Amino acid sequence: MSISIRLSRGGAKKRPYYRIVVANSRSPRDGKYLEQIGTYNPVLAKDSPERVKLIEDRARYWLGVGAQPTDRVARFLDAAGIKERAARVNPKKGEPGEKAKERAEERAAKIAEAEEAARAAEEEAKAAAAAPAAEEAPAEEAAAEEAPAAEEAAAEEAPAADEQAEG
């Protein structure tokens, strides 16, 4: 008979409450157990002392007899300083899967194409803005030359108009 230290669920729907129990590993999760050695209330705040309660001497006894804690209970025992738990390292934990990587590459390629198109359009706009400016410069000079001539002509016509009004 193998013995495990595990959680047995209680509480209402969406309001979980767990007993930390010592049970035969073949008995159902919420079924018959040998002894209750603590409680765990995940609804409470993480820093609350009421969140995890353990009867330490009984936990030590059952570990000494050979009971195997589940991973979650092993975390509780480690936090209480009863049993050291080897830190598990999973370097691939935060890494996305292959399909997600492919989608990210496709998205990056589309973004790069869009940026390249935007740059090309921007360069064309700059080139178009520079070309008419060069063409407009002589036209502006010509307009500037025509303006004084038009003013002189208007000035010559004005005295003639004055003379006609007098006569």
N, C-alpha and C. Protein backbone atom coordinates (compact mmCIF):
# COMPACT_ATOMS: atom_id res chain seq x y z
N MET A 1 0.85 -1.18 0.00
CA MET A 1 0.00 0.00 0.00
C MET A 1 0.89 1.24 0.00
N SER A 2 0.72 2.10 -1.02
CA SER A 2 1.50 3.34 -1.04
C SER A 2 0.64 4.47 -0.49
N ILE A 3 1.28 5.31 0.27
CA ILE A 3 0.57 6.40 0.96
C ILE A 3 0.99 7.72 0.33
N SER A 4 0.03 8.59 0.12
CA SER A 4 0.34 9.91 -0.41
C SER A 4 -0.26 10.99 0.48
N ILE A 5 0.43 12.13 0.48
CA ILE A 5 -0.09 13.32 1.16
C ILE A 5 -0.58 14.22 0.05
N ARG A 6 -1.87 14.49 0.04
CA ARG A 6 -2.45 15.23 -1.07
C ARG A 6 -3.60 16.11 -0.61
N LEU A 7 -4.17 16.82 -1.58
CA LEU A 7 -5.31 17.70 -1.30
C LEU A 7 -6.61 16.97 -1.59
N SER A 8 -7.60 17.19 -0.73
CA SER A 8 -8.94 16.66 -0.92
C SER A 8 -9.89 17.86 -1.00
N ARG A 9 -10.61 17.98 -2.11
CA ARG A 9 -11.39 19.19 -2.35
C ARG A 9 -12.72 19.19 -1.61
N GLY A 10 -13.05 20.34 -1.10
CA GLY A 10 -14.34 20.55 -0.46
C GLY A 10 -14.82 21.93 -0.86
N GLY A 11 -15.80 22.47 -0.18
CA GLY A 11 -16.28 23.82 -0.47
C GLY A 11 -17.34 23.80 -1.55
N ALA A 12 -17.84 24.98 -1.86
CA ALA A 12 -18.91 25.13 -2.84
C ALA A 12 -18.34 25.33 -4.24
N LYS A 13 -19.23 25.37 -5.19
CA LYS A 13 -18.82 25.61 -6.57
C LYS A 13 -18.16 26.98 -6.67
N LYS A 14 -16.99 27.03 -7.29
CA LYS A 14 -16.19 28.25 -7.46
C LYS A 14 -15.71 28.85 -6.14
N ARG A 15 -15.83 28.11 -5.06
CA ARG A 15 -15.32 28.53 -3.75
C ARG A 15 -14.56 27.34 -3.15
N PRO A 16 -13.41 26.99 -3.73
CA PRO A 16 -12.72 25.77 -3.28
C PRO A 16 -12.14 25.90 -1.89
N TYR A 17 -12.06 24.76 -1.24
CA TYR A 17 -11.44 24.65 0.07
C TYR A 17 -10.85 23.24 0.11
N TYR A 18 -9.61 23.12 0.52
CA TYR A 18 -8.95 21.83 0.49
C TYR A 18 -8.50 21.37 1.88
N ARG A 19 -8.60 20.07 2.10
CA ARG A 19 -7.99 19.45 3.28
C ARG A 19 -6.68 18.84 2.81
N ILE A 20 -5.65 18.98 3.61
CA ILE A 20 -4.40 18.28 3.31
C ILE A 20 -4.49 16.96 4.06
N VAL A 21 -4.56 15.87 3.31
CA VAL A 21 -4.83 14.56 3.93
C VAL A 21 -3.75 13.55 3.57
N VAL A 22 -3.67 12.52 4.42
CA VAL A 22 -2.82 11.37 4.16
C VAL A 22 -3.78 10.26 3.77
N ALA A 23 -3.59 9.73 2.56
CA ALA A 23 -4.53 8.73 2.06
C ALA A 23 -3.82 7.66 1.26
N ASN A 24 -4.49 6.54 1.08
CA ASN A 24 -4.01 5.50 0.19
C ASN A 24 -4.01 6.11 -1.22
N SER A 25 -2.94 5.91 -1.98
CA SER A 25 -2.83 6.54 -3.28
C SER A 25 -3.90 6.05 -4.25
N ARG A 26 -4.53 4.90 -3.95
CA ARG A 26 -5.55 4.36 -4.85
C ARG A 26 -6.96 4.82 -4.49
N SER A 27 -7.14 5.45 -3.36
CA SER A 27 -8.48 5.91 -2.99
C SER A 27 -8.82 7.17 -3.79
N PRO A 28 -10.12 7.45 -4.00
CA PRO A 28 -10.51 8.63 -4.78
C PRO A 28 -10.06 9.94 -4.11
N ARG A 29 -9.98 10.99 -4.92
CA ARG A 29 -9.48 12.29 -4.44
C ARG A 29 -10.22 12.76 -3.20
N ASP A 30 -11.53 12.74 -3.24
CA ASP A 30 -12.32 13.23 -2.11
C ASP A 30 -12.84 12.09 -1.25
N GLY A 31 -12.27 10.91 -1.43
CA GLY A 31 -12.77 9.73 -0.72
C GLY A 31 -12.14 9.55 0.65
N LYS A 32 -12.09 8.28 1.07
CA LYS A 32 -11.60 7.93 2.40
C LYS A 32 -10.11 8.28 2.55
N TYR A 33 -9.75 8.82 3.71
CA TYR A 33 -8.35 9.13 4.00
C TYR A 33 -8.00 8.64 5.39
N LEU A 34 -6.68 8.54 5.62
CA LEU A 34 -6.21 8.04 6.91
C LEU A 34 -6.23 9.12 7.98
N GLU A 35 -5.75 10.32 7.61
CA GLU A 35 -5.69 11.41 8.59
C GLU A 35 -5.64 12.75 7.87
N GLN A 36 -6.26 13.75 8.48
CA GLN A 36 -6.19 15.12 7.95
C GLN A 36 -5.07 15.83 8.71
N ILE A 37 -4.09 16.36 7.94
CA ILE A 37 -2.96 17.01 8.62
C ILE A 37 -2.91 18.52 8.36
N GLY A 38 -3.93 19.07 7.69
CA GLY A 38 -3.93 20.51 7.48
C GLY A 38 -5.04 20.93 6.54
N THR A 39 -5.07 22.24 6.26
CA THR A 39 -6.06 22.81 5.35
C THR A 39 -5.39 23.82 4.43
N TYR A 40 -6.04 24.06 3.29
CA TYR A 40 -5.56 25.03 2.32
C TYR A 40 -6.77 25.75 1.75
N ASN A 41 -6.79 27.08 1.88
CA ASN A 41 -7.90 27.88 1.37
C ASN A 41 -7.36 28.85 0.32
N PRO A 42 -7.44 28.49 -0.98
CA PRO A 42 -6.88 29.34 -2.03
C PRO A 42 -7.62 30.65 -2.25
N VAL A 43 -8.79 30.81 -1.64
CA VAL A 43 -9.57 32.03 -1.80
C VAL A 43 -8.92 33.18 -1.01
N LEU A 44 -8.23 32.86 0.07
CA LEU A 44 -7.60 33.89 0.90
C LEU A 44 -6.38 34.49 0.21
N ALA A 45 -5.94 35.65 0.68
CA ALA A 45 -4.77 36.32 0.12
C ALA A 45 -3.52 35.48 0.33
N LYS A 46 -2.55 35.63 -0.58
CA LYS A 46 -1.35 34.79 -0.51
C LYS A 46 -0.53 35.01 0.74
N ASP A 47 -0.59 36.20 1.31
CA ASP A 47 0.21 36.47 2.51
C ASP A 47 -0.55 36.17 3.80
N SER A 48 -1.77 35.67 3.68
CA SER A 48 -2.59 35.36 4.86
C SER A 48 -2.09 34.11 5.58
N PRO A 49 -1.94 34.15 6.90
CA PRO A 49 -1.50 32.95 7.63
C PRO A 49 -2.57 31.86 7.65
N GLU A 50 -3.82 32.21 7.40
CA GLU A 50 -4.91 31.23 7.40
C GLU A 50 -4.98 30.45 6.09
N ARG A 51 -4.23 30.88 5.08
CA ARG A 51 -4.30 30.24 3.76
C ARG A 51 -3.87 28.77 3.82
N VAL A 52 -2.74 28.49 4.44
CA VAL A 52 -2.25 27.11 4.58
C VAL A 52 -1.98 26.86 6.05
N LYS A 53 -2.64 25.84 6.59
CA LYS A 53 -2.40 25.43 7.98
C LYS A 53 -1.94 23.98 7.96
N LEU A 54 -0.86 23.69 8.65
CA LEU A 54 -0.32 22.33 8.70
C LEU A 54 -0.06 21.91 10.14
N ILE A 55 -0.32 20.65 10.43
CA ILE A 55 0.10 20.07 11.72
C ILE A 55 1.49 19.47 11.43
N GLU A 56 2.53 20.23 11.81
CA GLU A 56 3.88 19.90 11.37
C GLU A 56 4.38 18.55 11.88
N ASP A 57 4.13 18.23 13.14
CA ASP A 57 4.67 16.97 13.66
C ASP A 57 4.03 15.76 12.97
N ARG A 58 2.73 15.85 12.63
CA ARG A 58 2.08 14.74 11.92
C ARG A 58 2.61 14.63 10.49
N ALA A 59 2.85 15.78 9.86
CA ALA A 59 3.41 15.76 8.51
C ALA A 59 4.78 15.11 8.52
N ARG A 60 5.62 15.46 9.52
CA ARG A 60 6.95 14.85 9.63
C ARG A 60 6.83 13.33 9.86
N TYR A 61 5.87 12.93 10.69
CA TYR A 61 5.68 11.51 10.97
C TYR A 61 5.36 10.76 9.68
N TRP A 62 4.38 11.26 8.90
CA TRP A 62 3.97 10.55 7.70
C TRP A 62 5.07 10.55 6.64
N LEU A 63 5.84 11.62 6.57
CA LEU A 63 6.98 11.62 5.64
C LEU A 63 8.01 10.57 6.07
N GLY A 64 8.22 10.45 7.39
CA GLY A 64 9.15 9.45 7.92
C GLY A 64 8.69 8.03 7.64
N VAL A 65 7.37 7.81 7.62
CA VAL A 65 6.81 6.48 7.35
C VAL A 65 6.91 6.15 5.85
N GLY A 66 7.11 7.17 5.00
CA GLY A 66 7.28 6.93 3.57
C GLY A 66 6.19 7.49 2.70
N ALA A 67 5.34 8.35 3.23
CA ALA A 67 4.29 8.94 2.42
C ALA A 67 4.90 9.91 1.40
N GLN A 68 4.36 9.89 0.18
CA GLN A 68 4.86 10.76 -0.88
C GLN A 68 3.91 11.94 -1.08
N PRO A 69 4.41 13.18 -0.90
CA PRO A 69 3.53 14.35 -1.12
C PRO A 69 3.36 14.63 -2.61
N THR A 70 2.21 15.15 -2.98
CA THR A 70 2.01 15.62 -4.35
C THR A 70 2.82 16.91 -4.53
N ASP A 71 2.92 17.37 -5.75
CA ASP A 71 3.75 18.55 -6.01
C ASP A 71 3.25 19.77 -5.23
N ARG A 72 1.95 20.00 -5.22
CA ARG A 72 1.40 21.16 -4.51
C ARG A 72 1.65 21.05 -3.01
N VAL A 73 1.43 19.88 -2.45
CA VAL A 73 1.66 19.70 -1.02
C VAL A 73 3.15 19.82 -0.72
N ALA A 74 4.01 19.35 -1.63
CA ALA A 74 5.45 19.48 -1.44
C ALA A 74 5.84 20.95 -1.35
N ARG A 75 5.18 21.80 -2.11
CA ARG A 75 5.44 23.25 -2.03
C ARG A 75 5.06 23.78 -0.65
N PHE A 76 3.91 23.33 -0.14
CA PHE A 76 3.50 23.77 1.19
C PHE A 76 4.50 23.31 2.25
N LEU A 77 4.94 22.06 2.14
CA LEU A 77 5.89 21.52 3.12
C LEU A 77 7.22 22.26 3.05
N ASP A 78 7.63 22.62 1.84
CA ASP A 78 8.88 23.37 1.67
C ASP A 78 8.75 24.76 2.28
N ALA A 79 7.61 25.42 2.07
CA ALA A 79 7.38 26.76 2.62
C ALA A 79 7.36 26.72 4.15
N ALA A 80 6.86 25.61 4.71
CA ALA A 80 6.80 25.48 6.17
C ALA A 80 8.14 25.02 6.74
N GLY A 81 9.08 24.64 5.88
CA GLY A 81 10.39 24.20 6.34
C GLY A 81 10.41 22.75 6.82
N ILE A 82 9.44 21.95 6.41
CA ILE A 82 9.36 20.56 6.85
C ILE A 82 10.17 19.65 5.93
N LYS A 83 10.04 19.85 4.62
CA LYS A 83 10.76 19.01 3.66
C LYS A 83 11.26 19.89 2.53
N GLU A 84 12.56 19.76 2.22
CA GLU A 84 13.15 20.52 1.12
C GLU A 84 12.61 20.00 -0.21
N ARG A 85 12.28 20.91 -1.09
CA ARG A 85 11.82 20.52 -2.42
C ARG A 85 12.81 21.04 -3.43
N ALA A 86 13.29 20.15 -4.29
CA ALA A 86 14.25 20.56 -5.31
C ALA A 86 13.56 21.50 -6.29
N ALA A 87 14.20 22.63 -6.55
CA ALA A 87 13.65 23.59 -7.50
C ALA A 87 13.68 22.98 -8.89
N ARG A 88 12.56 23.03 -9.56
CA ARG A 88 12.49 22.48 -10.90
C ARG A 88 12.66 23.61 -11.90
N VAL A 89 13.49 23.38 -12.90
CA VAL A 89 13.74 24.41 -13.90
C VAL A 89 13.24 23.89 -15.24
N ASN A 90 12.39 24.68 -15.87
CA ASN A 90 11.89 24.33 -17.18
C ASN A 90 12.25 25.47 -18.13
N PRO A 91 13.37 25.34 -18.85
CA PRO A 91 13.80 26.45 -19.71
C PRO A 91 12.86 26.72 -20.88
N LYS A 92 12.03 25.75 -21.25
CA LYS A 92 11.13 25.95 -22.39
C LYS A 92 9.75 26.43 -21.96
N LYS A 93 9.56 26.72 -20.68
CA LYS A 93 8.23 27.06 -20.17
C LYS A 93 7.63 28.26 -20.89
N GLY A 94 8.36 29.34 -21.00
CA GLY A 94 7.81 30.56 -21.59
C GLY A 94 7.97 30.64 -23.09
N GLU A 95 8.53 29.59 -23.70
CA GLU A 95 8.79 29.61 -25.13
C GLU A 95 7.53 29.21 -25.90
N PRO A 96 7.17 29.96 -26.95
CA PRO A 96 5.98 29.61 -27.71
C PRO A 96 6.20 28.34 -28.55
N GLY A 97 5.12 27.72 -28.97
CA GLY A 97 5.19 26.51 -29.79
C GLY A 97 5.60 26.82 -31.21
N GLU A 98 5.75 25.76 -32.02
CA GLU A 98 6.22 25.92 -33.39
C GLU A 98 5.26 26.75 -34.24
N LYS A 99 3.96 26.46 -34.14
CA LYS A 99 3.00 27.20 -34.96
C LYS A 99 2.97 28.67 -34.57
N ALA A 100 3.08 28.93 -33.28
CA ALA A 100 3.09 30.33 -32.82
C ALA A 100 4.33 31.04 -33.35
N LYS A 101 5.46 30.35 -33.39
CA LYS A 101 6.68 30.95 -33.95
C LYS A 101 6.50 31.25 -35.43
N GLU A 102 5.87 30.31 -36.17
CA GLU A 102 5.64 30.53 -37.60
C GLU A 102 4.74 31.75 -37.81
N ARG A 103 3.67 31.86 -37.02
CA ARG A 103 2.78 33.01 -37.14
C ARG A 103 3.52 34.31 -36.83
N ALA A 104 4.40 34.27 -35.83
CA ALA A 104 5.16 35.48 -35.47
C ALA A 104 6.10 35.88 -36.61
N GLU A 105 6.72 34.88 -37.25
CA GLU A 105 7.61 35.18 -38.38
C GLU A 105 6.83 35.80 -39.54
N GLU A 106 5.64 35.21 -39.85
CA GLU A 106 4.82 35.75 -40.92
C GLU A 106 4.40 37.19 -40.61
N ARG A 107 4.00 37.43 -39.37
CA ARG A 107 3.59 38.76 -38.95
C ARG A 107 4.76 39.74 -39.08
N ALA A 108 5.95 39.31 -38.67
CA ALA A 108 7.13 40.17 -38.75
C ALA A 108 7.45 40.49 -40.22
N ALA A 109 7.29 39.49 -41.10
CA ALA A 109 7.56 39.71 -42.52
C ALA A 109 6.57 40.73 -43.09
N LYS A 110 5.27 40.60 -42.73
CA LYS A 110 4.27 41.55 -43.21
C LYS A 110 4.57 42.97 -42.72
N ILE A 111 4.96 43.08 -41.47
CA ILE A 111 5.28 44.39 -40.91
C ILE A 111 6.49 45.00 -41.62
N ALA A 112 7.50 44.15 -41.90
CA ALA A 112 8.70 44.64 -42.60
C ALA A 112 8.33 45.12 -43.99
N GLU A 113 7.46 44.37 -44.69
CA GLU A 113 7.02 44.79 -46.03
C GLU A 113 6.27 46.11 -45.96
N ALA A 114 5.40 46.26 -44.99
CA ALA A 114 4.63 47.49 -44.84
C ALA A 114 5.55 48.68 -44.56
N GLU A 115 6.55 48.46 -43.70
CA GLU A 115 7.49 49.54 -43.39
C GLU A 115 8.30 49.91 -44.63
N GLU A 116 8.71 48.90 -45.40
CA GLU A 116 9.48 49.14 -46.62
C GLU A 116 8.63 49.94 -47.62
N ALA A 117 7.37 49.57 -47.76
CA ALA A 117 6.47 50.29 -48.66
C ALA A 117 6.28 51.74 -48.18
N ALA A 118 6.17 51.91 -46.87
CA ALA A 118 6.00 53.26 -46.32
C ALA A 118 7.25 54.10 -46.58
N ARG A 119 8.41 53.48 -46.41
CA ARG A 119 9.67 54.21 -46.69
C ARG A 119 9.74 54.62 -48.15
N ALA A 120 9.40 53.67 -49.06
CA ALA A 120 9.45 53.96 -50.49
C ALA A 120 8.49 55.10 -50.83
N ALA A 121 7.30 55.06 -50.29
CA ALA A 121 6.33 56.12 -50.54
C ALA A 121 6.83 57.46 -50.00
N GLU A 122 7.48 57.42 -48.85
CA GLU A 122 8.01 58.64 -48.24
C GLU A 122 9.12 59.23 -49.10
N GLU A 123 9.99 58.34 -49.62
CA GLU A 123 11.08 58.81 -50.48
C GLU A 123 10.53 59.40 -51.77
N GLU A 124 9.50 58.76 -52.35
CA GLU A 124 8.87 59.28 -53.56
C GLU A 124 8.26 60.65 -53.29
N ALA A 125 7.62 60.79 -52.13
CA ALA A 125 7.01 62.08 -51.78
C ALA A 125 8.08 63.16 -51.64
N LYS A 126 9.22 62.79 -51.02
CA LYS A 126 10.31 63.77 -50.89
C LYS A 126 10.86 64.15 -52.26
N ALA A 127 11.03 63.14 -53.12
CA ALA A 127 11.56 63.41 -54.47
C ALA A 127 10.58 64.27 -55.25
N ALA A 128 9.29 63.98 -55.13
CA ALA A 128 8.27 64.76 -55.83
C ALA A 128 8.22 66.18 -55.29
N ALA A 129 8.42 66.34 -54.00
CA ALA A 129 8.40 67.68 -53.40
C ALA A 129 9.63 68.47 -53.81
N ALA A 130 10.76 67.79 -53.97
CA ALA A 130 12.00 68.48 -54.34
C ALA A 130 11.97 68.88 -55.81
N ALA A 131 11.45 68.06 -56.71
CA ALA A 131 11.42 68.34 -58.15
C ALA A 131 10.56 69.56 -58.47
N PRO A 132 9.32 69.66 -58.03
CA PRO A 132 8.52 70.86 -58.34
C PRO A 132 9.12 72.12 -57.72
N ALA A 133 9.75 72.01 -56.61
CA ALA A 133 10.37 73.19 -56.00
C ALA A 133 11.46 73.73 -56.90
N ALA A 134 12.23 72.84 -57.52
CA ALA A 134 13.28 73.27 -58.44
C ALA A 134 12.66 73.89 -59.68
N GLU A 135 11.54 73.35 -60.18
CA GLU A 135 10.89 73.89 -61.37
C GLU A 135 10.19 75.21 -61.06
N GLU A 136 9.66 75.37 -59.86
CA GLU A 136 8.91 76.57 -59.50
C GLU A 136 9.83 77.77 -59.28
N ALA A 137 11.08 77.53 -58.92
CA ALA A 137 11.97 78.65 -58.64
C ALA A 137 12.12 79.59 -59.83
N PRO A 138 12.39 79.10 -61.05
CA PRO A 138 12.46 80.05 -62.18
C PRO A 138 11.12 80.71 -62.45
N ALA A 139 10.04 79.99 -62.27
CA ALA A 139 8.72 80.57 -62.51
C ALA A 139 8.46 81.70 -61.52
N GLU A 140 8.89 81.52 -60.28
CA GLU A 140 8.71 82.58 -59.27
C GLU A 140 9.52 83.81 -59.64
N GLU A 141 10.76 83.57 -60.15
CA GLU A 141 11.59 84.71 -60.55
C GLU A 141 10.93 85.46 -61.70
N ALA A 142 10.38 84.71 -62.64
CA ALA A 142 9.72 85.34 -63.78
C ALA A 142 8.51 86.12 -63.30
N ALA A 143 7.77 85.57 -62.38
CA ALA A 143 6.60 86.28 -61.84
C ALA A 143 7.04 87.54 -61.11
N ALA A 144 8.18 87.45 -60.43
CA ALA A 144 8.68 88.61 -59.70
C ALA A 144 9.10 89.70 -60.68
N GLU A 145 9.63 89.30 -61.84
CA GLU A 145 10.03 90.29 -62.84
C GLU A 145 8.80 90.94 -63.48
N GLU A 146 7.74 90.14 -63.67
CA GLU A 146 6.53 90.66 -64.29
C GLU A 146 5.79 91.62 -63.36
N ALA A 147 5.86 91.43 -62.08
CA ALA A 147 5.12 92.24 -61.14
C ALA A 147 5.55 93.71 -61.18
N PRO A 148 6.84 94.05 -61.16
CA PRO A 148 7.20 95.47 -61.24
C PRO A 148 6.77 96.11 -62.55
N ALA A 149 6.87 95.30 -63.62
CA ALA A 149 6.45 95.84 -64.91
C ALA A 149 4.95 96.15 -64.88
N ALA A 150 4.18 95.31 -64.28
CA ALA A 150 2.74 95.54 -64.19
C ALA A 150 2.46 96.76 -63.33
N GLU A 151 3.23 96.95 -62.28
CA GLU A 151 3.04 98.12 -61.42
C GLU A 151 3.37 99.40 -62.18
N GLU A 152 4.44 99.35 -63.00
CA GLU A 152 4.82 100.53 -63.78
C GLU A 152 3.73 100.87 -64.78
N ALA A 153 3.18 99.84 -65.41
CA ALA A 153 2.13 100.07 -66.40
C ALA A 153 0.90 100.68 -65.72
N ALA A 154 0.60 100.18 -64.53
CA ALA A 154 -0.55 100.71 -63.80
C ALA A 154 -0.27 102.16 -63.40
N ALA A 155 0.95 102.45 -63.05
CA ALA A 155 1.30 103.81 -62.66
C ALA A 155 1.20 104.75 -63.86
N GLU A 156 1.57 104.30 -65.06
CA GLU A 156 1.48 105.13 -66.26
C GLU A 156 0.04 105.39 -66.64
N GLU A 157 -0.80 104.35 -66.45
CA GLU A 157 -2.20 104.49 -66.81
C GLU A 157 -2.95 105.42 -65.85
N ALA A 158 -2.53 105.43 -64.59
CA ALA A 158 -3.23 106.24 -63.61
C ALA A 158 -3.14 107.75 -63.93
N PRO A 159 -1.97 108.28 -64.26
CA PRO A 159 -1.95 109.70 -64.59
C PRO A 159 -2.77 110.00 -65.84
N ALA A 160 -2.78 109.07 -66.78
CA ALA A 160 -3.55 109.30 -68.00
C ALA A 160 -5.03 109.34 -67.64
N ALA A 161 -5.45 108.51 -66.75
CA ALA A 161 -6.84 108.50 -66.32
C ALA A 161 -7.18 109.79 -65.60
N ASP A 162 -6.23 110.30 -64.82
CA ASP A 162 -6.45 111.57 -64.10
C ASP A 162 -6.61 112.74 -65.09
N GLU A 163 -5.78 112.72 -66.13
CA GLU A 163 -5.84 113.78 -67.13
C GLU A 163 -7.18 113.79 -67.85
N GLN A 164 -7.68 112.58 -68.15
CA GLN A 164 -8.95 112.47 -68.86
C GLN A 164 -10.10 112.96 -67.95
N ALA A 165 -9.98 112.69 -66.66
CA ALA A 165 -11.03 113.09 -65.76
C ALA A 165 -11.08 114.62 -65.65
N GLU A 166 -9.94 115.27 -65.72
CA GLU A 166 -9.88 116.71 -65.60
C GLU A 166 -10.46 117.39 -66.86
N GLY A 167 -10.18 116.79 -68.02
CA GLY A 167 -10.50 117.46 -69.28
C GLY A 167 -11.85 117.30 -69.77
